[in-house]
C-alpha cells in the first residue's frame, strides 16, 4: 500500500506529495532502480 501511494501524486496534501515529486526527479537521475525499489 505504501509503495502505491508514493507512485500516485494525487495526494499533494500528504507528506508523500512534495517528497514524492522531489524524489521522482532525483531518483531517475541518480538511480532508476531505486524508484522501483521504493
N, C-alpha and C. Protein backbone atom coordinates (compact mmCIF):
# COMPACT_ATOMS: atom_id res chain seq x y z
N UNK A 1 0.84 -1.21 0.00
CA UNK A 1 0.00 0.00 0.00
C UNK A 1 0.88 1.26 0.00
N UNK A 2 1.92 1.25 0.80
CA UNK A 2 2.80 2.43 0.87
C UNK A 2 3.41 2.73 -0.49
N UNK A 3 3.88 1.70 -1.17
CA UNK A 3 4.53 1.91 -2.47
C UNK A 3 3.54 2.52 -3.45
N UNK A 4 2.31 2.00 -3.46
CA UNK A 4 1.31 2.51 -4.40
C UNK A 4 1.04 3.99 -4.13
N UNK A 5 0.96 4.35 -2.85
CA UNK A 5 0.70 5.75 -2.50
C UNK A 5 1.81 6.65 -3.03
N UNK A 6 3.04 6.19 -2.94
CA UNK A 6 4.16 7.03 -3.40
C UNK A 6 4.09 7.25 -4.90
N UNK A 7 3.61 6.27 -5.63
CA UNK A 7 3.56 6.41 -7.10
C UNK A 7 2.39 7.30 -7.53
N UNK A 8 1.40 7.45 -6.67
CA UNK A 8 0.22 8.26 -7.06
C UNK A 8 0.34 9.68 -6.52
N UNK A 9 0.74 10.61 -7.36
CA UNK A 9 0.87 12.02 -6.93
C UNK A 9 -0.49 12.70 -6.88
N UNK A 10 -1.53 11.98 -6.48
CA UNK A 10 -2.87 12.57 -6.45
C UNK A 10 -3.17 13.12 -5.07
N UNK A 11 -2.21 12.96 -4.12
CA UNK A 11 -2.47 13.47 -2.76
C UNK A 11 -1.39 14.47 -2.36
N UNK A 12 -1.47 15.70 -2.84
CA UNK A 12 -0.48 16.73 -2.52
C UNK A 12 -0.55 17.11 -1.04
N UNK A 13 -1.68 16.87 -0.42
CA UNK A 13 -1.84 17.23 0.99
C UNK A 13 -0.98 16.34 1.88
N UNK A 14 -0.76 15.12 1.46
CA UNK A 14 0.05 14.19 2.30
C UNK A 14 1.53 14.53 2.21
N UNK A 15 2.28 14.10 3.21
CA UNK A 15 3.73 14.36 3.21
C UNK A 15 4.37 13.69 2.00
N UNK A 16 3.72 12.67 1.44
CA UNK A 16 4.29 11.99 0.27
C UNK A 16 4.21 12.87 -0.98
N UNK A 17 3.30 13.82 -0.98
CA UNK A 17 3.12 14.69 -2.16
C UNK A 17 4.43 15.36 -2.56
N UNK A 18 4.92 16.32 -1.77
CA UNK A 18 6.14 17.05 -2.10
C UNK A 18 7.35 16.12 -2.14
N UNK A 19 7.41 15.20 -1.20
CA UNK A 19 8.56 14.27 -1.13
C UNK A 19 8.61 13.43 -2.41
N UNK A 20 7.45 12.93 -2.81
CA UNK A 20 7.38 12.06 -4.00
C UNK A 20 7.87 12.81 -5.23
N UNK A 21 7.39 14.03 -5.40
CA UNK A 21 7.79 14.83 -6.59
C UNK A 21 9.31 15.05 -6.59
N UNK A 22 9.83 15.51 -5.49
CA UNK A 22 11.27 15.79 -5.41
C UNK A 22 12.06 14.49 -5.63
N UNK A 23 11.61 13.43 -5.03
CA UNK A 23 12.32 12.15 -5.16
C UNK A 23 12.26 11.66 -6.60
N UNK A 24 11.12 11.80 -7.22
CA UNK A 24 10.96 11.30 -8.59
C UNK A 24 12.02 11.92 -9.50
N UNK A 25 12.31 13.21 -9.29
CA UNK A 25 13.31 13.87 -10.15
C UNK A 25 14.73 13.41 -9.81
N UNK A 26 14.97 13.18 -8.53
CA UNK A 26 16.34 12.78 -8.13
C UNK A 26 16.58 11.29 -8.36
N UNK A 27 15.58 10.49 -8.16
CA UNK A 27 15.75 9.03 -8.31
C UNK A 27 16.15 8.64 -9.74
N UNK A 28 15.36 9.00 -10.75
CA UNK A 28 15.69 8.59 -12.13
C UNK A 28 17.06 9.10 -12.56
N UNK A 29 17.46 10.25 -12.07
CA UNK A 29 18.76 10.80 -12.48
C UNK A 29 19.90 10.04 -11.80
N UNK A 30 19.74 9.78 -10.51
CA UNK A 30 20.81 9.09 -9.76
C UNK A 30 20.71 7.57 -9.97
N UNK A 31 19.55 7.03 -9.65
CA UNK A 31 19.37 5.56 -9.77
C UNK A 31 17.93 5.22 -10.18
N UNK A 32 17.73 4.85 -11.41
CA UNK A 32 16.37 4.49 -11.89
C UNK A 32 15.87 3.22 -11.20
N UNK A 33 16.77 2.46 -10.60
CA UNK A 33 16.35 1.21 -9.93
C UNK A 33 15.69 1.53 -8.59
N UNK A 34 16.16 2.59 -7.93
CA UNK A 34 15.59 2.93 -6.62
C UNK A 34 14.10 3.23 -6.74
N UNK A 35 13.69 3.84 -7.83
CA UNK A 35 12.27 4.19 -7.99
C UNK A 35 11.41 2.93 -7.84
N UNK A 36 11.83 1.83 -8.44
CA UNK A 36 11.02 0.60 -8.35
C UNK A 36 11.17 -0.03 -6.95
N UNK A 37 12.32 0.13 -6.35
CA UNK A 37 12.54 -0.47 -5.03
C UNK A 37 11.65 0.19 -3.97
N UNK A 38 11.46 1.50 -4.07
CA UNK A 38 10.68 2.21 -3.03
C UNK A 38 9.23 1.77 -3.08
